Amino acid sequence: MIQVDGSLIVGTYDEADDEFTVQQVKHLTTETVLTKSQCEQLYDYLKKHEKEEGGQVVSLYDQLLIPLKENEIQLLVSDLGRVQQLYQS
């Protein structure tokens, strides 16, 4: 397992399962698994919308909403970019 301590997310990448487990987003603790596809979709969406005023909202478990300011979106995009590099092709 590879530990990732990003600016906004903390988690571990499991090489055997090719999955990233998000353990923390901002200040919130979670156990959310992101597949390569999910990570790419989230990255692409945030990258397209990172300059929008008002920020964005991401959800955990489709229930817990996490508001992100513009600068936080940029940090999360950077963190997800690091995670994407870990996934096997």
C-alpha atoms as a PDB file:
ATOM      1  CA  MET A   1       0.000   0.000   0.000  1.00  0.00           C
ATOM      2  CA  ILE A   2       1.106   3.520  -0.778  1.00  0.00           C
ATOM      3  CA  GLN A   3       0.178   6.320   1.620  1.00  0.00           C
ATOM      4  CA  VAL A   4      -0.905   9.599   0.018  1.00  0.00           C
ATOM      5  CA  ASP A   5      -0.973  12.733   2.155  1.00  0.00           C
ATOM      6  CA  GLY A   6      -2.330  15.436  -0.103  1.00  0.00           C
ATOM      7  CA  SER A   7      -3.367  18.987   0.611  1.00  0.00           C
ATOM      8  CA  LEU A   8      -7.059  18.087   0.838  1.00  0.00           C
ATOM      9  CA  ILE A   9      -7.212  14.294   0.796  1.00  0.00           C
ATOM     10  CA  VAL A  10      -5.440  11.561   2.720  1.00  0.00           C
ATOM     11  CA  GLY A  11      -5.635   7.911   1.773  1.00  0.00           C
ATOM     12  CA  THR A  12      -3.925   4.748   0.616  1.00  0.00           C
ATOM     13  CA  TYR A  13      -3.468   3.227  -2.796  1.00  0.00           C
ATOM     14  CA  ASP A  14      -3.747  -0.570  -2.903  1.00  0.00           C
ATOM     15  CA  GLU A  15      -1.606  -1.880  -5.748  1.00  0.00           C
ATOM     16  CA  ALA A  16      -3.123  -5.369  -5.619  1.00  0.00           C
ATOM     17  CA  ASP A  17      -6.703  -4.126  -6.058  1.00  0.00           C
ATOM     18  CA  ASP A  18      -5.759  -1.016  -8.075  1.00  0.00           C
ATOM     19  CA  GLU A  19      -7.958   1.119  -5.795  1.00  0.00           C
ATOM     20  CA  PHE A  20      -7.493   4.277  -3.788  1.00  0.00           C
ATOM     21  CA  THR A  21      -9.168   4.490  -0.388  1.00  0.00           C
ATOM     22  CA  VAL A  22      -9.884   8.036   0.692  1.00  0.00           C
ATOM     23  CA  GLN A  23      -9.518   8.245   4.461  1.00  0.00           C
ATOM     24  CA  GLN A  24      -9.933  11.984   4.894  1.00  0.00           C
ATOM     25  CA  VAL A  25     -11.325  14.883   2.840  1.00  0.00           C
ATOM     26  CA  LYS A  26     -10.611  18.317   4.269  1.00  0.00           C
ATOM     27  CA  HIS A  27     -11.237  17.720   7.965  1.00  0.00           C
ATOM     28  CA  LEU A  28     -13.731  14.862   7.558  1.00  0.00           C
ATOM     29  CA  THR A  29     -12.844  11.225   8.156  1.00  0.00           C
ATOM     30  CA  THR A  30     -14.211   8.692   5.668  1.00  0.00           C
ATOM     31  CA  GLU A  31     -13.594   5.280   4.089  1.00  0.00           C
ATOM     32  CA  THR A  32     -14.448   5.841   0.443  1.00  0.00           C
ATOM     33  CA  VAL A  33     -12.943   3.689  -2.317  1.00  0.00           C
ATOM     34  CA  LEU A  34     -12.230   5.319  -5.682  1.00  0.00           C
ATOM     35  CA  THR A  35     -11.668   3.180  -8.735  1.00  0.00           C
ATOM     36  CA  LYS A  36      -9.482   4.481 -11.531  1.00  0.00           C
ATOM     37  CA  SER A  37     -12.566   5.475 -13.527  1.00  0.00           C
ATOM     38  CA  GLN A  38     -14.170   7.317 -10.607  1.00  0.00           C
ATOM     39  CA  CYS A  39     -10.954   9.180  -9.890  1.00  0.00           C
ATOM     40  CA  GLU A  40     -10.639  10.213 -13.538  1.00  0.00           C
ATOM     41  CA  GLN A  41     -14.268  11.374 -13.699  1.00  0.00           C
ATOM     42  CA  LEU A  42     -13.950  13.453 -10.537  1.00  0.00           C
ATOM     43  CA  TYR A  43     -10.643  14.924 -11.703  1.00  0.00           C
ATOM     44  CA  ASP A  44     -12.028  15.809 -15.148  1.00  0.00           C
ATOM     45  CA  TYR A  45     -15.178  17.375 -13.705  1.00  0.00           C
ATOM     46  CA  LEU A  46     -13.310  19.491 -11.170  1.00  0.00           C
ATOM     47  CA  LYS A  47     -10.701  20.504 -13.738  1.00  0.00           C
ATOM     48  CA  LYS A  48     -13.441  21.788 -16.069  1.00  0.00           C
ATOM     49  CA  HIS A  49     -15.172  23.711 -13.283  1.00  0.00           C
ATOM     50  CA  GLU A  50     -12.263  24.822 -11.099  1.00  0.00           C
ATOM     51  CA  LYS A  51     -12.552  28.491 -12.108  1.00  0.00           C
ATOM     52  CA  GLU A  52     -16.296  28.847 -11.495  1.00  0.00           C
ATOM     53  CA  GLU A  53     -17.333  31.359  -8.880  1.00  0.00           C
ATOM     54  CA  GLY A  54     -18.981  29.909  -5.827  1.00  0.00           C
ATOM     55  CA  GLY A  55     -16.896  26.732  -5.844  1.00  0.00           C
ATOM     56  CA  GLN A  56     -18.245  23.204  -6.038  1.00  0.00           C
ATOM     57  CA  VAL A  57     -19.756  20.629  -3.711  1.00  0.00           C
ATOM     58  CA  VAL A  58     -18.619  17.009  -3.547  1.00  0.00           C
ATOM     59  CA  SER A  59     -20.504  14.313  -1.692  1.00  0.00           C
ATOM     60  CA  LEU A  60     -19.445  11.343   0.379  1.00  0.00           C
ATOM     61  CA  TYR A  61     -21.786   8.370   0.470  1.00  0.00           C
ATOM     62  CA  ASP A  62     -24.205  10.463  -1.634  1.00  0.00           C
ATOM     63  CA  GLN A  63     -25.257  12.033   1.664  1.00  0.00           C
ATOM     64  CA  LEU A  64     -22.533  14.183   3.189  1.00  0.00           C
ATOM     65  CA  LEU A  65     -21.951  17.359   1.184  1.00  0.00           C
ATOM     66  CA  ILE A  66     -18.535  19.010   1.288  1.00  0.00           C
ATOM     67  CA  PRO A  67     -18.354  22.559  -0.070  1.00  0.00           C
ATOM     68  CA  LEU A  68     -15.117  23.469  -1.834  1.00  0.00           C
ATOM     69  CA  LYS A  69     -13.897  26.985  -2.485  1.00  0.00           C
ATOM     70  CA  GLU A  70     -12.047  27.748  -5.717  1.00  0.00           C
ATOM     71  CA  ASN A  71      -8.597  27.369  -4.120  1.00  0.00           C
ATOM     72  CA  GLU A  72      -9.664  24.077  -2.496  1.00  0.00           C
ATOM     73  CA  ILE A  73     -10.813  22.764  -5.866  1.00  0.00           C
ATOM     74  CA  GLN A  74      -7.358  23.465  -7.268  1.00  0.00           C
ATOM     75  CA  LEU A  75      -5.762  21.639  -4.327  1.00  0.00           C
ATOM     76  CA  LEU A  76      -8.089  18.661  -4.787  1.00  0.00           C
ATOM     77  CA  VAL A  77      -7.362  18.557  -8.535  1.00  0.00           C
ATOM     78  CA  SER A  78      -3.655  18.470  -7.712  1.00  0.00           C
ATOM     79  CA  ASP A  79      -4.176  15.684  -5.138  1.00  0.00           C
ATOM     80  CA  LEU A  80      -6.276  13.629  -7.572  1.00  0.00           C
ATOM     81  CA  GLY A  81      -3.607  14.091 -10.235  1.00  0.00           C
ATOM     82  CA  ARG A  82      -1.091  12.501  -7.865  1.00  0.00           C
ATOM     83  CA  VAL A  83      -3.484   9.632  -7.173  1.00  0.00           C
ATOM     84  CA  GLN A  84      -4.124   9.060 -10.906  1.00  0.00           C
ATOM     85  CA  GLN A  85      -0.420   8.484 -11.441  1.00  0.00           C
ATOM     86  CA  LEU A  86      -0.582   5.523  -9.054  1.00  0.00           C
ATOM     87  CA  TYR A  87      -3.251   3.589 -10.944  1.00  0.00           C
ATOM     88  CA  GLN A  88      -2.056   0.850 -13.233  1.00  0.00           C
ATOM     89  CA  SER A  89      -2.920   1.259 -16.895  1.00  0.00           C
END
